[in-house]
Amino acid sequence: MTILFGKLLLKAYNAGNSDNTIDYLRYLLDQSPNQQLLLFWDGASYHRSHVVQGFLGEVNEGLPPEQWKIHCVRFAPNCPSQNPIEDIWLQAKTWVRRFCALIPSFSHLKWMNEQVYPTHYL
């Protein structure tokens, strides 16, 4: 989520893992090539993986911390007061719980969710 510009940049992936995290970080760099990125994220194991940490090391190589291209700060686990995206996920989960019996398949549910939360939600 870009707080200064009020944007939430979502990109759909088939799983949460190190490779997809790195792909998303590259996507963010492409969206803001001349800016430093400050990411606040949860403590997912793939965020902390050696592969992701290696990628961050390559991106920031040789730079002092105040000039890093990507700087990551971890939120406390399951803490909506620190992590505003938790409110969006809660809305989506509540919607699914309320209407899941009316939706014939997971692919329909996924399609409906993408209509509510498109991949580039602004």
PDB file of N, CA and C in Angstrom:
ATOM      1  N   MET A   1       0.852  -1.160   0.000  1.00  0.00           N
ATOM      2  CA  MET A   1       0.000   0.000   0.000  1.00  0.00           C
ATOM      3  C   MET A   1       0.902   1.227   0.000  1.00  0.00           C
ATOM      4  N   THR A   2       0.659   2.132  -0.886  1.00  0.00           N
ATOM      5  CA  THR A   2       1.407   3.366  -0.940  1.00  0.00           C
ATOM      6  C   THR A   2       0.630   4.413  -0.157  1.00  0.00           C
ATOM      7  N   ILE A   3       1.112   4.740   1.013  1.00  0.00           N
ATOM      8  CA  ILE A   3       0.376   5.637   1.890  1.00  0.00           C
ATOM      9  C   ILE A   3       0.348   7.057   1.334  1.00  0.00           C
ATOM     10  N   LEU A   4       1.452   7.554   0.803  1.00  0.00           N
ATOM     11  CA  LEU A   4       1.491   8.932   0.318  1.00  0.00           C
ATOM     12  C   LEU A   4       0.506   9.182  -0.812  1.00  0.00           C
ATOM     13  N   PHE A   5       0.275   8.202  -1.641  1.00  0.00           N
ATOM     14  CA  PHE A   5      -0.583   8.378  -2.790  1.00  0.00           C
ATOM     15  C   PHE A   5      -1.916   7.644  -2.652  1.00  0.00           C
ATOM     16  N   GLY A   6      -2.157   6.996  -1.529  1.00  0.00           N
ATOM     17  CA  GLY A   6      -3.422   6.319  -1.290  1.00  0.00           C
ATOM     18  C   GLY A   6      -3.684   5.152  -2.211  1.00  0.00           C
ATOM     19  N   LYS A   7      -2.655   4.456  -2.639  1.00  0.00           N
ATOM     20  CA  LYS A   7      -2.810   3.324  -3.545  1.00  0.00           C
ATOM     21  C   LYS A   7      -2.543   2.017  -2.814  1.00  0.00           C
ATOM     22  N   LEU A   8      -3.296   1.025  -3.183  1.00  0.00           N
ATOM     23  CA  LEU A   8      -3.052  -0.330  -2.732  1.00  0.00           C
ATOM     24  C   LEU A   8      -2.717  -1.124  -3.976  1.00  0.00           C
ATOM     25  N   LEU A   9      -1.474  -1.535  -4.117  1.00  0.00           N
ATOM     26  CA  LEU A   9      -1.043  -2.273  -5.297  1.00  0.00           C
ATOM     27  C   LEU A   9      -1.086  -3.768  -5.006  1.00  0.00           C
ATOM     28  N   LEU A  10      -2.078  -4.432  -5.558  1.00  0.00           N
ATOM     29  CA  LEU A  10      -2.217  -5.872  -5.386  1.00  0.00           C
ATOM     30  C   LEU A  10      -1.813  -6.563  -6.675  1.00  0.00           C
ATOM     31  N   LYS A  11      -1.269  -7.737  -6.514  1.00  0.00           N
ATOM     32  CA  LYS A  11      -0.919  -8.564  -7.666  1.00  0.00           C
ATOM     33  C   LYS A  11      -1.234  -9.999  -7.271  1.00  0.00           C
ATOM     34  N   ALA A  12      -2.013 -10.679  -8.085  1.00  0.00           N
ATOM     35  CA  ALA A  12      -2.448 -12.037  -7.761  1.00  0.00           C
ATOM     36  C   ALA A  12      -1.331 -13.052  -7.999  1.00  0.00           C
ATOM     37  N   TYR A  13      -1.207 -13.974  -7.061  1.00  0.00           N
ATOM     38  CA  TYR A  13      -0.250 -15.081  -7.170  1.00  0.00           C
ATOM     39  C   TYR A  13      -0.952 -16.367  -6.765  1.00  0.00           C
ATOM     40  N   ASN A  14      -0.400 -17.482  -7.209  1.00  0.00           N
ATOM     41  CA  ASN A  14      -0.992 -18.779  -6.879  1.00  0.00           C
ATOM     42  C   ASN A  14      -0.610 -19.257  -5.483  1.00  0.00           C
ATOM     43  N   ALA A  15       0.388 -18.607  -4.857  1.00  0.00           N
ATOM     44  CA  ALA A  15       0.817 -19.024  -3.518  1.00  0.00           C
ATOM     45  C   ALA A  15       1.681 -17.935  -2.902  1.00  0.00           C
ATOM     46  N   GLY A  16       1.726 -17.939  -1.581  1.00  0.00           N
ATOM     47  CA  GLY A  16       2.666 -17.080  -0.873  1.00  0.00           C
ATOM     48  C   GLY A  16       3.962 -17.845  -0.692  1.00  0.00           C
ATOM     49  N   ASN A  17       5.016 -17.403  -1.365  1.00  0.00           N
ATOM     50  CA  ASN A  17       6.308 -18.063  -1.237  1.00  0.00           C
ATOM     51  C   ASN A  17       7.421 -17.072  -1.578  1.00  0.00           C
ATOM     52  N   SER A  18       8.644 -17.503  -1.442  1.00  0.00           N
ATOM     53  CA  SER A  18       9.794 -16.620  -1.670  1.00  0.00           C
ATOM     54  C   SER A  18       9.864 -16.102  -3.101  1.00  0.00           C
ATOM     55  N   ASP A  19       9.661 -16.986  -4.078  1.00  0.00           N
ATOM     56  CA  ASP A  19       9.752 -16.569  -5.480  1.00  0.00           C
ATOM     57  C   ASP A  19       8.707 -15.508  -5.812  1.00  0.00           C
ATOM     58  N   ASN A  20       7.480 -15.706  -5.348  1.00  0.00           N
ATOM     59  CA  ASN A  20       6.427 -14.731  -5.614  1.00  0.00           C
ATOM     60  C   ASN A  20       6.664 -13.432  -4.852  1.00  0.00           C
ATOM     61  N   THR A  21       7.233 -13.527  -3.665  1.00  0.00           N
ATOM     62  CA  THR A  21       7.572 -12.321  -2.907  1.00  0.00           C
ATOM     63  C   THR A  21       8.604 -11.496  -3.662  1.00  0.00           C
ATOM     64  N   ILE A  22       9.620 -12.166  -4.196  1.00  0.00           N
ATOM     65  CA  ILE A  22      10.643 -11.462  -4.963  1.00  0.00           C
ATOM     66  C   ILE A  22      10.041 -10.862  -6.231  1.00  0.00           C
ATOM     67  N   ASP A  23       9.167 -11.593  -6.890  1.00  0.00           N
ATOM     68  CA  ASP A  23       8.512 -11.051  -8.074  1.00  0.00           C
ATOM     69  C   ASP A  23       7.712  -9.795  -7.715  1.00  0.00           C
ATOM     70  N   TYR A  24       7.009  -9.821  -6.594  1.00  0.00           N
ATOM     71  CA  TYR A  24       6.233  -8.658  -6.164  1.00  0.00           C
ATOM     72  C   TYR A  24       7.148  -7.486  -5.805  1.00  0.00           C
ATOM     73  N   LEU A  25       8.276  -7.756  -5.164  1.00  0.00           N
ATOM     74  CA  LEU A  25       9.225  -6.687  -4.852  1.00  0.00           C
ATOM     75  C   LEU A  25       9.760  -6.055  -6.141  1.00  0.00           C
ATOM     76  N   ARG A  26      10.035  -6.877  -7.142  1.00  0.00           N
ATOM     77  CA  ARG A  26      10.468  -6.337  -8.441  1.00  0.00           C
ATOM     78  C   ARG A  26       9.365  -5.477  -9.059  1.00  0.00           C
ATOM     79  N   TYR A  27       8.134  -5.944  -8.940  1.00  0.00           N
ATOM     80  CA  TYR A  27       6.975  -5.187  -9.438  1.00  0.00           C
ATOM     81  C   TYR A  27       6.905  -3.819  -8.758  1.00  0.00           C
ATOM     82  N   LEU A  28       7.083  -3.787  -7.439  1.00  0.00           N
ATOM     83  CA  LEU A  28       7.060  -2.513  -6.720  1.00  0.00           C
ATOM     84  C   LEU A  28       8.194  -1.600  -7.176  1.00  0.00           C
ATOM     85  N   LEU A  29       9.372  -2.151  -7.369  1.00  0.00           N
ATOM     86  CA  LEU A  29      10.497  -1.350  -7.871  1.00  0.00           C
ATOM     87  C   LEU A  29      10.180  -0.771  -9.250  1.00  0.00           C
ATOM     88  N   ASP A  30       9.535  -1.576 -10.100  1.00  0.00           N
ATOM     89  CA  ASP A  30       9.154  -1.088 -11.432  1.00  0.00           C
ATOM     90  C   ASP A  30       8.117   0.036 -11.341  1.00  0.00           C
ATOM     91  N   GLN A  31       7.220  -0.047 -10.367  1.00  0.00           N
ATOM     92  CA  GLN A  31       6.187   0.976 -10.200  1.00  0.00           C
ATOM     93  C   GLN A  31       6.760   2.300  -9.704  1.00  0.00           C
ATOM     94  N   SER A  32       7.858   2.237  -8.982  1.00  0.00           N
ATOM     95  CA  SER A  32       8.478   3.427  -8.375  1.00  0.00           C
ATOM     96  C   SER A  32       9.993   3.386  -8.571  1.00  0.00           C
ATOM     97  N   PRO A  33      10.467   3.467  -9.810  1.00  0.00           N
ATOM     98  CA  PRO A  33      11.900   3.246 -10.066  1.00  0.00           C
ATOM     99  C   PRO A  33      12.833   4.285  -9.435  1.00  0.00           C
ATOM    100  N   ASN A  34      12.359   5.473  -9.173  1.00  0.00           N
ATOM    101  CA  ASN A  34      13.222   6.526  -8.646  1.00  0.00           C
ATOM    102  C   ASN A  34      12.966   6.821  -7.177  1.00  0.00           C
ATOM    103  N   GLN A  35      12.305   5.896  -6.489  1.00  0.00           N
ATOM    104  CA  GLN A  35      11.988   6.116  -5.086  1.00  0.00           C
ATOM    105  C   GLN A  35      12.541   4.985  -4.234  1.00  0.00           C
ATOM    106  N   GLN A  36      12.832   5.319  -2.998  1.00  0.00           N
ATOM    107  CA  GLN A  36      13.158   4.286  -2.021  1.00  0.00           C
ATOM    108  C   GLN A  36      11.835   3.730  -1.506  1.00  0.00           C
ATOM    109  N   LEU A  37      11.805   2.436  -1.259  1.00  0.00           N
ATOM    110  CA  LEU A  37      10.591   1.787  -0.775  1.00  0.00           C
ATOM    111  C   LEU A  37      10.759   1.411   0.690  1.00  0.00           C
ATOM    112  N   LEU A  38       9.773   1.743   1.481  1.00  0.00           N
ATOM    113  CA  LEU A  38       9.704   1.330   2.879  1.00  0.00           C
ATOM    114  C   LEU A  38       8.506   0.419   2.990  1.00  0.00           C
ATOM    115  N   LEU A  39       8.773  -0.868   3.216  1.00  0.00           N
ATOM    116  CA  LEU A  39       7.708  -1.861   3.289  1.00  0.00           C
ATOM    117  C   LEU A  39       7.480  -2.273   4.735  1.00  0.00           C
ATOM    118  N   PHE A  40       6.229  -2.274   5.123  1.00  0.00           N
ATOM    119  CA  PHE A  40       5.818  -2.819   6.408  1.00  0.00           C
ATOM    120  C   PHE A  40       5.082  -4.106   6.087  1.00  0.00           C
ATOM    121  N   TRP A  41       5.567  -5.211   6.636  1.00  0.00           N
ATOM    122  CA  TRP A  41       4.921  -6.480   6.324  1.00  0.00           C
ATOM    123  C   TRP A  41       4.909  -7.402   7.518  1.00  0.00           C
ATOM    124  N   ASP A  42       4.132  -8.466   7.361  1.00  0.00           N
ATOM    125  CA  ASP A  42       3.994  -9.409   8.473  1.00  0.00           C
ATOM    126  C   ASP A  42       5.202 -10.335   8.522  1.00  0.00           C
ATOM    127  N   GLY A  43       5.191 -11.248   9.453  1.00  0.00           N
ATOM    128  CA  GLY A  43       6.334 -12.127   9.658  1.00  0.00           C
ATOM    129  C   GLY A  43       6.233 -13.445   8.929  1.00  0.00           C
ATOM    130  N   ALA A  44       5.571 -13.463   7.765  1.00  0.00           N
ATOM    131  CA  ALA A  44       5.465 -14.708   7.002  1.00  0.00           C
ATOM    132  C   ALA A  44       6.855 -15.312   6.780  1.00  0.00           C
ATOM    133  N   SER A  45       6.931 -16.621   6.854  1.00  0.00           N
ATOM    134  CA  SER A  45       8.237 -17.283   6.743  1.00  0.00           C
ATOM    135  C   SER A  45       8.923 -16.962   5.421  1.00  0.00           C
ATOM    136  N   TYR A  46       8.150 -16.829   4.346  1.00  0.00           N
ATOM    137  CA  TYR A  46       8.771 -16.526   3.056  1.00  0.00           C
ATOM    138  C   TYR A  46       9.278 -15.085   2.997  1.00  0.00           C
ATOM    139  N   HIS A  47       8.758 -14.177   3.823  1.00  0.00           N
ATOM    140  CA  HIS A  47       9.326 -12.829   3.899  1.00  0.00           C
ATOM    141  C   HIS A  47      10.711 -12.857   4.550  1.00  0.00           C
ATOM    142  N   ARG A  48      10.901 -13.820   5.438  1.00  0.00           N
ATOM    143  CA  ARG A  48      12.151 -13.915   6.192  1.00  0.00           C
ATOM    144  C   ARG A  48      13.123 -14.920   5.587  1.00  0.00           C
ATOM    145  N   SER A  49      12.753 -15.539   4.474  1.00  0.00           N
ATOM    146  CA  SER A  49      13.578 -16.621   3.905  1.00  0.00           C
ATOM    147  C   SER A  49      14.946 -16.115   3.456  1.00  0.00           C
ATOM    148  N   HIS A  50      15.879 -17.051   3.368  1.00  0.00           N
ATOM    149  CA  HIS A  50      17.227 -16.723   2.888  1.00  0.00           C
ATOM    150  C   HIS A  50      17.184 -16.197   1.449  1.00  0.00           C
ATOM    151  N   VAL A  51      16.266 -16.723   0.651  1.00  0.00           N
ATOM    152  CA  VAL A  51      16.157 -16.305  -0.746  1.00  0.00           C
ATOM    153  C   VAL A  51      15.729 -14.838  -0.823  1.00  0.00           C
ATOM    154  N   VAL A  52      14.697 -14.465  -0.071  1.00  0.00           N
ATOM    155  CA  VAL A  52      14.219 -13.074  -0.068  1.00  0.00           C
ATOM    156  C   VAL A  52      15.278 -12.159   0.538  1.00  0.00           C
ATOM    157  N   GLN A  53      15.883 -12.589   1.632  1.00  0.00           N
ATOM    158  CA  GLN A  53      16.931 -11.775   2.246  1.00  0.00           C
ATOM    159  C   GLN A  53      18.111 -11.588   1.293  1.00  0.00           C
ATOM    160  N   GLY A  54      18.430 -12.635   0.519  1.00  0.00           N
ATOM    161  CA  GLY A  54      19.489 -12.525  -0.483  1.00  0.00           C
ATOM    162  C   GLY A  54      19.134 -11.517  -1.571  1.00  0.00           C
ATOM    163  N   PHE A  55      17.874 -11.544  -2.021  1.00  0.00           N
ATOM    164  CA  PHE A  55      17.425 -10.580  -3.025  1.00  0.00           C
ATOM    165  C   PHE A  55      17.532  -9.158  -2.487  1.00  0.00           C
ATOM    166  N   LEU A  56      17.072  -8.940  -1.262  1.00  0.00           N
ATOM    167  CA  LEU A  56      17.166  -7.606  -0.655  1.00  0.00           C
ATOM    168  C   LEU A  56      18.627  -7.169  -0.540  1.00  0.00           C
ATOM    169  N   GLY A  57      19.506  -8.112  -0.200  1.00  0.00           N
ATOM    170  CA  GLY A  57      20.933  -7.808  -0.131  1.00  0.00           C
ATOM    171  C   GLY A  57      21.495  -7.378  -1.473  1.00  0.00           C
ATOM    172  N   GLU A  58      21.058  -8.047  -2.551  1.00  0.00           N
ATOM    173  CA  GLU A  58      21.512  -7.677  -3.899  1.00  0.00           C
ATOM    174  C   GLU A  58      20.998  -6.291  -4.290  1.00  0.00           C
ATOM    175  N   VAL A  59      19.724  -6.037  -4.025  1.00  0.00           N
ATOM    176  CA  VAL A  59      19.117  -4.754  -4.394  1.00  0.00           C
ATOM    177  C   VAL A  59      19.794  -3.599  -3.655  1.00  0.00           C
ATOM    178  N   ASN A  60      20.123  -3.829  -2.390  1.00  0.00           N
ATOM    179  CA  ASN A  60      20.686  -2.767  -1.549  1.00  0.00           C
ATOM    180  C   ASN A  60      22.210  -2.814  -1.448  1.00  0.00           C
ATOM    181  N   GLU A  61      22.835  -3.696  -2.216  1.00  0.00           N
ATOM    182  CA  GLU A  61      24.269  -3.943  -2.098  1.00  0.00           C
ATOM    183  C   GLU A  61      25.099  -2.662  -2.193  1.00  0.00           C
ATOM    184  N   GLY A  62      25.965  -2.513  -1.205  1.00  0.00           N
ATOM    185  CA  GLY A  62      26.902  -1.404  -1.199  1.00  0.00           C
ATOM    186  C   GLY A  62      26.334  -0.072  -0.747  1.00  0.00           C
ATOM    187  N   LEU A  63      25.033  -0.031  -0.480  1.00  0.00           N
ATOM    188  CA  LEU A  63      24.408   1.222  -0.058  1.00  0.00           C
ATOM    189  C   LEU A  63      24.308   1.287   1.460  1.00  0.00           C
ATOM    190  N   PRO A  64      24.493   2.458   2.046  1.00  0.00           N
ATOM    191  CA  PRO A  64      24.232   2.590   3.479  1.00  0.00           C
ATOM    192  C   PRO A  64      22.717   2.476   3.718  1.00  0.00           C
ATOM    193  N   PRO A  65      22.293   2.035   4.898  1.00  0.00           N
ATOM    194  CA  PRO A  65      20.861   1.810   5.150  1.00  0.00           C
ATOM    195  C   PRO A  65      19.953   2.981   4.772  1.00  0.00           C
ATOM    196  N   GLU A  66      20.404   4.195   4.963  1.00  0.00           N
ATOM    197  CA  GLU A  66      19.540   5.341   4.645  1.00  0.00           C
ATOM    198  C   GLU A  66      19.341   5.533   3.138  1.00  0.00           C
ATOM    199  N   GLN A  67      20.088   4.778   2.315  1.00  0.00           N
ATOM    200  CA  GLN A  67      19.942   4.868   0.860  1.00  0.00           C
ATOM    201  C   GLN A  67      19.413   3.578   0.235  1.00  0.00           C
ATOM    202  N   TRP A  68      19.060   2.593   1.056  1.00  0.00           N
ATOM    203  CA  TRP A  68      18.553   1.330   0.524  1.00  0.00           C
ATOM    204  C   TRP A  68      17.384   1.574  -0.410  1.00  0.00           C
ATOM    205  N   LYS A  69      17.308   0.803  -1.465  1.00  0.00           N
ATOM    206  CA  LYS A  69      16.175   0.877  -2.388  1.00  0.00           C
ATOM    207  C   LYS A  69      14.925   0.276  -1.762  1.00  0.00           C
ATOM    208  N   ILE A  70      15.121  -0.773  -0.961  1.00  0.00           N
ATOM    209  CA  ILE A  70      13.995  -1.395  -0.250  1.00  0.00           C
ATOM    210  C   ILE A  70      14.410  -1.587   1.200  1.00  0.00           C
ATOM    211  N   HIS A  71      13.605  -1.054   2.097  1.00  0.00           N
ATOM    212  CA  HIS A  71      13.821  -1.256   3.533  1.00  0.00           C
ATOM    213  C   HIS A  71      12.539  -1.885   4.079  1.00  0.00           C
ATOM    214  N   CYS A  72      12.673  -2.993   4.807  1.00  0.00           N
ATOM    215  CA  CYS A  72      11.513  -3.726   5.309  1.00  0.00           C
ATOM    216  C   CYS A  72      11.448  -3.663   6.829  1.00  0.00           C
ATOM    217  N   VAL A  73      10.244  -3.434   7.327  1.00  0.00           N
ATOM    218  CA  VAL A  73       9.980  -3.407   8.761  1.00  0.00           C
ATOM    219  C   VAL A  73       8.859  -4.402   9.028  1.00  0.00           C
ATOM    220  N   ARG A  74       9.039  -5.255  10.004  1.00  0.00           N
ATOM    221  CA  ARG A  74       8.047  -6.285  10.293  1.00  0.00           C
ATOM    222  C   ARG A  74       7.024  -5.804  11.325  1.00  0.00           C
ATOM    223  N   PHE A  75       5.748  -6.033  11.016  1.00  0.00           N
ATOM    224  CA  PHE A  75       4.662  -5.768  11.961  1.00  0.00           C
ATOM    225  C   PHE A  75       4.628  -6.843  13.036  1.00  0.00           C
ATOM    226  N   ALA A  76       3.998  -6.505  14.144  1.00  0.00           N
ATOM    227  CA  ALA A  76       3.681  -7.532  15.136  1.00  0.00           C
ATOM    228  C   ALA A  76       2.681  -8.501  14.490  1.00  0.00           C
ATOM    229  N   PRO A  77       2.729  -9.786  14.820  1.00  0.00           N
ATOM    230  CA  PRO A  77       1.822 -10.755  14.189  1.00  0.00           C
ATOM    231  C   PRO A  77       0.355 -10.480  14.533  1.00  0.00           C
ATOM    232  N   ASN A  78      -0.519 -10.628  13.535  1.00  0.00           N
ATOM    233  CA  ASN A  78      -1.970 -10.491  13.696  1.00  0.00           C
ATOM    234  C   ASN A  78      -2.355  -9.221  14.436  1.00  0.00           C
ATOM    235  N   CYS A  79      -1.830  -8.094  14.001  1.00  0.00           N
ATOM    236  CA  CYS A  79      -2.051  -6.838  14.709  1.00  0.00           C
ATOM    237  C   CYS A  79      -2.673  -5.803  13.769  1.00  0.00           C
ATOM    238  N   PRO A  80      -4.015  -5.788  13.641  1.00  0.00           N
ATOM    239  CA  PRO A  80      -4.662  -4.842  12.733  1.00  0.00           C
ATOM    240  C   PRO A  80      -4.353  -3.381  13.046  1.00  0.00           C
ATOM    241  N   SER A  81      -4.054  -3.064  14.299  1.00  0.00           N
ATOM    242  CA  SER A  81      -3.746  -1.667  14.619  1.00  0.00           C
ATOM    243  C   SER A  81      -2.430  -1.223  13.986  1.00  0.00           C
ATOM    244  N   GLN A  82      -1.529  -2.160  13.719  1.00  0.00           N
ATOM    245  CA  GLN A  82      -0.276  -1.836  13.039  1.00  0.00           C
ATOM    246  C   GLN A  82      -0.376  -2.054  11.533  1.00  0.00           C
ATOM    247  N   ASN A  83      -1.186  -3.002  11.124  1.00  0.00           N
ATOM    248  CA  ASN A  83      -1.210  -3.433   9.736  1.00  0.00           C
ATOM    249  C   ASN A  83      -2.577  -3.156   9.109  1.00  0.00           C
ATOM    250  N   PRO A  84      -2.740  -2.026   8.403  1.00  0.00           N
ATOM    251  CA  PRO A  84      -4.055  -1.659   7.874  1.00  0.00           C
ATOM    252  C   PRO A  84      -4.619  -2.629   6.839  1.00  0.00           C
ATOM    253  N   ILE A  85      -3.785  -3.433   6.185  1.00  0.00           N
ATOM    254  CA  ILE A  85      -4.304  -4.385   5.209  1.00  0.00           C
ATOM    255  C   ILE A  85      -5.149  -5.466   5.892  1.00  0.00           C
ATOM    256  N   GLU A  86      -4.920  -5.684   7.191  1.00  0.00           N
ATOM    257  CA  GLU A  86      -5.713  -6.669   7.925  1.00  0.00           C
ATOM    258  C   GLU A  86      -7.199  -6.329   7.874  1.00  0.00           C
ATOM    259  N   ASP A  87      -7.542  -5.040   7.864  1.00  0.00           N
ATOM    260  CA  ASP A  87      -8.948  -4.637   7.776  1.00  0.00           C
ATOM    261  C   ASP A  87      -9.553  -5.041   6.434  1.00  0.00           C
ATOM    262  N   ILE A  88      -8.765  -4.934   5.366  1.00  0.00           N
ATOM    263  CA  ILE A  88      -9.258  -5.331   4.041  1.00  0.00           C
ATOM    264  C   ILE A  88      -9.441  -6.838   3.982  1.00  0.00           C
ATOM    265  N   TRP A  89      -8.451  -7.588   4.504  1.00  0.00           N
ATOM    266  CA  TRP A  89      -8.585  -9.057   4.501  1.00  0.00           C
ATOM    267  C   TRP A  89      -9.791  -9.479   5.343  1.00  0.00           C
ATOM    268  N   LEU A  90     -10.038  -8.792   6.468  1.00  0.00           N
ATOM    269  CA  LEU A  90     -11.184  -9.123   7.311  1.00  0.00           C
ATOM    270  C   LEU A  90     -12.488  -8.911   6.551  1.00  0.00           C
ATOM    271  N   GLN A  91     -12.583  -7.831   5.789  1.00  0.00           N
ATOM    272  CA  GLN A  91     -13.790  -7.595   4.986  1.00  0.00           C
ATOM    273  C   GLN A  91     -13.993  -8.722   3.975  1.00  0.00           C
ATOM    274  N   ALA A  92     -12.916  -9.120   3.316  1.00  0.00           N
ATOM    275  CA  ALA A  92     -13.015 -10.194   2.320  1.00  0.00           C
ATOM    276  C   ALA A  92     -13.419 -11.515   2.978  1.00  0.00           C
ATOM    277  N   LYS A  93     -12.798 -11.833   4.120  1.00  0.00           N
ATOM    278  CA  LYS A  93     -13.133 -13.085   4.814  1.00  0.00           C
ATOM    279  C   LYS A  93     -14.576 -13.071   5.307  1.00  0.00           C
ATOM    280  N   THR A  94     -15.028 -11.941   5.803  1.00  0.00           N
ATOM    281  CA  THR A  94     -16.410 -11.820   6.278  1.00  0.00           C
ATOM    282  C   THR A  94     -17.378 -12.024   5.123  1.00  0.00           C
ATOM    283  N   TRP A  95     -17.080 -11.430   3.974  1.00  0.00           N
ATOM    284  CA  TRP A  95     -17.916 -11.587   2.796  1.00  0.00           C
ATOM    285  C   TRP A  95     -17.994 -13.051   2.386  1.00  0.00           C
ATOM    286  N   VAL A  96     -16.851 -13.739   2.355  1.00  0.00           N
ATOM    287  CA  VAL A  96     -16.824 -15.158   1.982  1.00  0.00           C
ATOM    288  C   VAL A  96     -17.658 -15.980   2.962  1.00  0.00           C
ATOM    289  N   ARG A  97     -17.498 -15.745   4.246  1.00  0.00           N
ATOM    290  CA  ARG A  97     -18.263 -16.498   5.252  1.00  0.00           C
ATOM    291  C   ARG A  97     -19.769 -16.291   5.076  1.00  0.00           C
ATOM    292  N   ARG A  98     -20.145 -15.072   4.746  1.00  0.00           N
ATOM    293  CA  ARG A  98     -21.561 -14.738   4.626  1.00  0.00           C
ATOM    294  C   ARG A  98     -22.205 -15.373   3.399  1.00  0.00           C
ATOM    295  N   PHE A  99     -21.480 -15.439   2.296  1.00  0.00           N
ATOM    296  CA  PHE A  99     -22.074 -15.843   1.029  1.00  0.00           C
ATOM    297  C   PHE A  99     -21.550 -17.158   0.458  1.00  0.00           C
ATOM    298  N   CYS A 100     -20.686 -17.862   1.170  1.00  0.00           N
ATOM    299  CA  CYS A 100     -20.066 -19.069   0.601  1.00  0.00           C
ATOM    300  C   CYS A 100     -21.083 -20.136   0.213  1.00  0.00           C
ATOM    301  N   ALA A 101     -22.173 -20.243   0.936  1.00  0.00           N
ATOM    302  CA  ALA A 101     -23.176 -21.266   0.609  1.00  0.00           C
ATOM    303  C   ALA A 101     -23.901 -20.970  -0.696  1.00  0.00           C
ATOM    304  N   LEU A 102     -23.863 -19.728  -1.143  1.00  0.00           N
ATOM    305  CA  LEU A 102     -24.561 -19.337  -2.365  1.00  0.00           C
ATOM    306  C   LEU A 102     -23.676 -19.402  -3.608  1.00  0.00           C
ATOM    307  N   ILE A 103     -22.397 -19.663  -3.418  1.00  0.00           N
ATOM    308  CA  ILE A 103     -21.452 -19.638  -4.537  1.00  0.00           C
ATOM    309  C   ILE A 103     -21.145 -21.080  -4.941  1.00  0.00           C
ATOM    310  N   PRO A 104     -21.356 -21.426  -6.224  1.00  0.00           N
ATOM    311  CA  PRO A 104     -21.276 -22.828  -6.636  1.00  0.00           C
ATOM    312  C   PRO A 104     -19.881 -23.449  -6.649  1.00  0.00           C
ATOM    313  N   SER A 105     -18.827 -22.636  -6.792  1.00  0.00           N
ATOM    314  CA  SER A 105     -17.491 -23.223  -6.867  1.00  0.00           C
ATOM    315  C   SER A 105     -16.444 -22.208  -6.409  1.00  0.00           C
ATOM    316  N   PHE A 106     -15.247 -22.722  -6.135  1.00  0.00           N
ATOM    317  CA  PHE A 106     -14.161 -21.834  -5.724  1.00  0.00           C
ATOM    318  C   PHE A 106     -13.790 -20.866  -6.843  1.00  0.00           C
ATOM    319  N   SER A 107     -13.834 -21.317  -8.085  1.00  0.00           N
ATOM    320  CA  SER A 107     -13.479 -20.416  -9.197  1.00  0.00           C
ATOM    321  C   SER A 107     -14.460 -19.248  -9.279  1.00  0.00           C
ATOM    322  N   HIS A 108     -15.750 -19.495  -8.997  1.00  0.00           N
ATOM    323  CA  HIS A 108     -16.724 -18.403  -8.946  1.00  0.00           C
ATOM    324  C   HIS A 108     -16.405 -17.451  -7.792  1.00  0.00           C
ATOM    325  N   LEU A 109     -16.076 -18.020  -6.651  1.00  0.00           N
ATOM    326  CA  LEU A 109     -15.730 -17.204  -5.488  1.00  0.00           C
ATOM    327  C   LEU A 109     -14.513 -16.331  -5.786  1.00  0.00           C
ATOM    328  N   LYS A 110     -13.511 -16.932  -6.402  1.00  0.00           N
ATOM    329  CA  LYS A 110     -12.299 -16.182  -6.748  1.00  0.00           C
ATOM    330  C   LYS A 110     -12.639 -15.051  -7.716  1.00  0.00           C
ATOM    331  N   TRP A 111     -13.444 -15.333  -8.730  1.00  0.00           N
ATOM    332  CA  TRP A 111     -13.829 -14.312  -9.702  1.00  0.00           C
ATOM    333  C   TRP A 111     -14.568 -13.173  -9.010  1.00  0.00           C
ATOM    334  N   MET A 112     -15.502 -13.499  -8.140  1.00  0.00           N
ATOM    335  CA  MET A 112     -16.272 -12.465  -7.441  1.00  0.00           C
ATOM    336  C   MET A 112     -15.361 -11.616  -6.547  1.00  0.00           C
ATOM    337  N   ASN A 113     -14.423 -12.258  -5.867  1.00  0.00           N
ATOM    338  CA  ASN A 113     -13.493 -11.530  -5.008  1.00  0.00           C
ATOM    339  C   ASN A 113     -12.634 -10.574  -5.831  1.00  0.00           C
ATOM    340  N   GLU A 114     -12.214 -10.998  -7.018  1.00  0.00           N
ATOM    341  CA  GLU A 114     -11.412 -10.133  -7.878  1.00  0.00           C
ATOM    342  C   GLU A 114     -12.211  -8.940  -8.385  1.00  0.00           C
ATOM    343  N   GLN A 115     -13.531  -9.064  -8.461  1.00  0.00           N
ATOM    344  CA  GLN A 115     -14.359  -7.922  -8.861  1.00  0.00           C
ATOM    345  C   GLN A 115     -14.411  -6.880  -7.746  1.00  0.00           C
ATOM    346  N   VAL A 116     -14.401  -7.351  -6.509  1.00  0.00           N
ATOM    347  CA  VAL A 116     -14.444  -6.448  -5.365  1.00  0.00           C
ATOM    348  C   VAL A 116     -13.063  -5.863  -5.092  1.00  0.00           C
ATOM    349  N   TYR A 117     -12.026  -6.694  -5.200  1.00  0.00           N
ATOM    350  CA  TYR A 117     -10.650  -6.275  -4.928  1.00  0.00           C
ATOM    351  C   TYR A 117      -9.803  -6.532  -6.169  1.00  0.00           C
ATOM    352  N   PRO A 118      -9.883  -5.659  -7.190  1.00  0.00           N
ATOM    353  CA  PRO A 118      -9.083  -5.884  -8.404  1.00  0.00           C
ATOM    354  C   PRO A 118      -7.602  -5.838  -8.111  1.00  0.00           C
ATOM    355  N   THR A 119      -6.812  -6.378  -9.026  1.00  0.00           N
ATOM    356  CA  THR A 119      -5.374  -6.497  -8.767  1.00  0.00           C
ATOM    357  C   THR A 119      -4.680  -5.151  -8.632  1.00  0.00           C
ATOM    358  N   HIS A 120      -5.208  -4.108  -9.202  1.00  0.00           N
ATOM    359  CA  HIS A 120      -4.646  -2.751  -9.013  1.00  0.00           C
ATOM    360  C   HIS A 120      -5.722  -1.883  -8.381  1.00  0.00           C
ATOM    361  N   TYR A 121      -6.036  -2.142  -7.140  1.00  0.00           N
ATOM    362  CA  TYR A 121      -7.071  -1.416  -6.429  1.00  0.00           C
ATOM    363  C   TYR A 121      -6.558  -0.042  -6.049  1.00  0.00           C
ATOM    364  N   LEU A 122      -7.227   1.021  -6.492  1.00  0.00           N
ATOM    365  CA  LEU A 122      -6.813   2.389  -6.152  1.00  0.00           C
ATOM    366  C   LEU A 122      -7.841   3.052  -5.282  1.00  0.00           C
TER     367      LEU A 122
END
